[in-house]
Amino acid sequence: MNNDQIPIDPAKLQLIRQNLEKFLFSDVQQRYDEQMRTHFSFNERPQRSEIVFHRKFLDDCKNLNEIMEKSILPLLLANPGKSIIVGEMGGLSIEDREKN
């Protein structure tokens, strides 16, 4: 079975959702794309923002909560309405959000 056929650890997905809700982001939605990425989009008044995680990062990450609190969420708060992309090795980049 390929790695992309094995579900992502639901505890990690729940941890991401809990972190977003803790920072009062609302209407959190999750989807997957054909490039093995998991998208979380959410309202960040008055616009929508997004975090996109590469599958390999989510599979391999052992300290997701710490990375969320110390790196991803501060970057997200500093860039409302953007997409924060988390690469397969954990590198972070900022892009304009696609209107999907």
C-alpha atoms as a PDB file:
ATOM      1  CA  MET A   1       0.000   0.000   0.000  1.00  0.00           C
ATOM      2  CA  ASN A   2       1.358   3.422  -0.937  1.00  0.00           C
ATOM      3  CA  ASN A   3       1.828   6.019   1.785  1.00  0.00           C
ATOM      4  CA  ASP A   4      -0.783   8.238   0.108  1.00  0.00           C
ATOM      5  CA  GLN A   5      -3.383   5.473   0.602  1.00  0.00           C
ATOM      6  CA  ILE A   6      -2.790   5.285   4.362  1.00  0.00           C
ATOM      7  CA  PRO A   7      -4.898   7.860   6.222  1.00  0.00           C
ATOM      8  CA  ILE A   8      -3.123  10.708   7.982  1.00  0.00           C
ATOM      9  CA  ASP A   9      -3.102  10.297  11.757  1.00  0.00           C
ATOM     10  CA  PRO A  10      -6.495  11.711  12.862  1.00  0.00           C
ATOM     11  CA  ALA A  11      -4.945  12.954  16.122  1.00  0.00           C
ATOM     12  CA  LYS A  12      -2.654  15.262  14.121  1.00  0.00           C
ATOM     13  CA  LEU A  13      -5.561  16.618  12.098  1.00  0.00           C
ATOM     14  CA  GLN A  14      -7.532  17.204  15.306  1.00  0.00           C
ATOM     15  CA  LEU A  15      -4.532  18.965  16.877  1.00  0.00           C
ATOM     16  CA  ILE A  16      -4.359  21.371  13.922  1.00  0.00           C
ATOM     17  CA  ARG A  17      -8.084  22.074  14.178  1.00  0.00           C
ATOM     18  CA  GLN A  18      -7.847  22.653  17.949  1.00  0.00           C
ATOM     19  CA  ASN A  19      -4.962  25.094  17.516  1.00  0.00           C
ATOM     20  CA  LEU A  20      -6.913  27.082  14.941  1.00  0.00           C
ATOM     21  CA  GLU A  21     -10.027  27.185  17.110  1.00  0.00           C
ATOM     22  CA  LYS A  22      -7.943  28.173  20.159  1.00  0.00           C
ATOM     23  CA  PHE A  23      -6.926  31.298  18.214  1.00  0.00           C
ATOM     24  CA  LEU A  24     -10.641  31.941  17.492  1.00  0.00           C
ATOM     25  CA  PHE A  25     -10.513  31.156  13.792  1.00  0.00           C
ATOM     26  CA  SER A  26     -13.963  30.039  12.682  1.00  0.00           C
ATOM     27  CA  ASP A  27     -15.523  27.872   9.975  1.00  0.00           C
ATOM     28  CA  VAL A  28     -12.469  25.589   9.777  1.00  0.00           C
ATOM     29  CA  GLN A  29     -12.692  23.408   6.670  1.00  0.00           C
ATOM     30  CA  GLN A  30     -10.368  20.631   5.589  1.00  0.00           C
ATOM     31  CA  ARG A  31      -9.699  19.185   2.149  1.00  0.00           C
ATOM     32  CA  TYR A  32      -7.042  17.197   0.311  1.00  0.00           C
ATOM     33  CA  ASP A  33      -5.544  17.778  -3.129  1.00  0.00           C
ATOM     34  CA  GLU A  34      -3.913  15.597  -5.774  1.00  0.00           C
ATOM     35  CA  GLN A  35      -0.428  16.722  -4.688  1.00  0.00           C
ATOM     36  CA  MET A  36      -0.704  14.903  -1.337  1.00  0.00           C
ATOM     37  CA  ARG A  37      -1.387  18.100   0.586  1.00  0.00           C
ATOM     38  CA  THR A  38      -3.924  18.743   3.340  1.00  0.00           C
ATOM     39  CA  HIS A  39      -5.581  22.184   3.291  1.00  0.00           C
ATOM     40  CA  PHE A  40      -7.176  23.854   6.308  1.00  0.00           C
ATOM     41  CA  SER A  41      -9.072  27.029   5.418  1.00  0.00           C
ATOM     42  CA  PHE A  42     -10.801  29.232   7.972  1.00  0.00           C
ATOM     43  CA  ASN A  43     -12.271  32.635   8.586  1.00  0.00           C
ATOM     44  CA  GLU A  44      -9.918  35.279   9.848  1.00  0.00           C
ATOM     45  CA  ARG A  45     -12.138  38.312   9.994  1.00  0.00           C
ATOM     46  CA  PRO A  46     -12.945  39.643   7.421  1.00  0.00           C
ATOM     47  CA  GLN A  47     -11.188  37.222   5.066  1.00  0.00           C
ATOM     48  CA  ARG A  48     -10.291  33.531   4.735  1.00  0.00           C
ATOM     49  CA  SER A  49      -6.800  32.243   5.339  1.00  0.00           C
ATOM     50  CA  GLU A  50      -5.311  28.815   4.794  1.00  0.00           C
ATOM     51  CA  ILE A  51      -2.593  26.455   5.992  1.00  0.00           C
ATOM     52  CA  VAL A  52      -1.433  23.816   3.512  1.00  0.00           C
ATOM     53  CA  PHE A  53       0.516  20.836   4.873  1.00  0.00           C
ATOM     54  CA  HIS A  54       2.569  18.505   2.711  1.00  0.00           C
ATOM     55  CA  ARG A  55       1.645  14.882   3.431  1.00  0.00           C
ATOM     56  CA  LYS A  56       5.226  13.834   4.250  1.00  0.00           C
ATOM     57  CA  PHE A  57       5.509  16.571   6.876  1.00  0.00           C
ATOM     58  CA  LEU A  58       2.342  15.409   8.648  1.00  0.00           C
ATOM     59  CA  ASP A  59       3.423  11.775   8.475  1.00  0.00           C
ATOM     60  CA  ASP A  60       6.913  12.424   9.871  1.00  0.00           C
ATOM     61  CA  CYS A  61       6.338  15.292  12.325  1.00  0.00           C
ATOM     62  CA  LYS A  62       6.769  14.343  15.983  1.00  0.00           C
ATOM     63  CA  ASN A  63       6.326  17.808  17.563  1.00  0.00           C
ATOM     64  CA  LEU A  64       3.393  19.247  15.622  1.00  0.00           C
ATOM     65  CA  ASN A  65       1.905  21.169  18.545  1.00  0.00           C
ATOM     66  CA  GLU A  66       5.175  22.980  19.229  1.00  0.00           C
ATOM     67  CA  ILE A  67       5.654  23.834  15.544  1.00  0.00           C
ATOM     68  CA  MET A  68       2.068  25.091  15.320  1.00  0.00           C
ATOM     69  CA  GLU A  69       2.440  27.338  18.392  1.00  0.00           C
ATOM     70  CA  LYS A  70       5.957  28.669  17.767  1.00  0.00           C
ATOM     71  CA  SER A  71       6.139  28.933  13.980  1.00  0.00           C
ATOM     72  CA  ILE A  72       2.953  28.396  11.978  1.00  0.00           C
ATOM     73  CA  LEU A  73       0.379  30.340  14.008  1.00  0.00           C
ATOM     74  CA  PRO A  74       2.563  33.467  14.503  1.00  0.00           C
ATOM     75  CA  LEU A  75       3.290  33.506  10.757  1.00  0.00           C
ATOM     76  CA  LEU A  76      -0.397  33.053  10.024  1.00  0.00           C
ATOM     77  CA  LEU A  77      -1.415  35.889  12.358  1.00  0.00           C
ATOM     78  CA  ALA A  78       1.141  38.198  10.715  1.00  0.00           C
ATOM     79  CA  ASN A  79      -0.207  37.414   7.208  1.00  0.00           C
ATOM     80  CA  PRO A  80      -4.030  37.507   7.233  1.00  0.00           C
ATOM     81  CA  GLY A  81      -5.769  36.327   4.087  1.00  0.00           C
ATOM     82  CA  LYS A  82      -2.728  34.386   2.862  1.00  0.00           C
ATOM     83  CA  SER A  83      -1.805  30.722   2.516  1.00  0.00           C
ATOM     84  CA  ILE A  84       0.924  29.382   4.749  1.00  0.00           C
ATOM     85  CA  ILE A  85       2.551  26.431   2.996  1.00  0.00           C
ATOM     86  CA  VAL A  86       4.311  23.812   5.131  1.00  0.00           C
ATOM     87  CA  GLY A  87       6.686  21.847   2.901  1.00  0.00           C
ATOM     88  CA  GLU A  88       7.626  18.204   3.216  1.00  0.00           C
ATOM     89  CA  MET A  89      10.660  19.042   5.383  1.00  0.00           C
ATOM     90  CA  GLY A  90       8.774  21.647   7.454  1.00  0.00           C
ATOM     91  CA  GLY A  91       9.894  24.752   5.558  1.00  0.00           C
ATOM     92  CA  LEU A  92       7.346  27.579   5.644  1.00  0.00           C
ATOM     93  CA  SER A  93       6.367  29.894   2.807  1.00  0.00           C
ATOM     94  CA  ILE A  94       3.638  32.492   2.273  1.00  0.00           C
ATOM     95  CA  GLU A  95       1.524  32.697  -0.869  1.00  0.00           C
ATOM     96  CA  ASP A  96      -1.580  34.514  -2.021  1.00  0.00           C
ATOM     97  CA  ARG A  97      -4.552  32.314  -1.241  1.00  0.00           C
ATOM     98  CA  GLU A  98      -6.315  30.522  -4.082  1.00  0.00           C
ATOM     99  CA  LYS A  99     -10.035  31.276  -4.125  1.00  0.00           C
ATOM    100  CA  ASN A 100     -11.167  27.618  -3.969  1.00  0.00           C
END
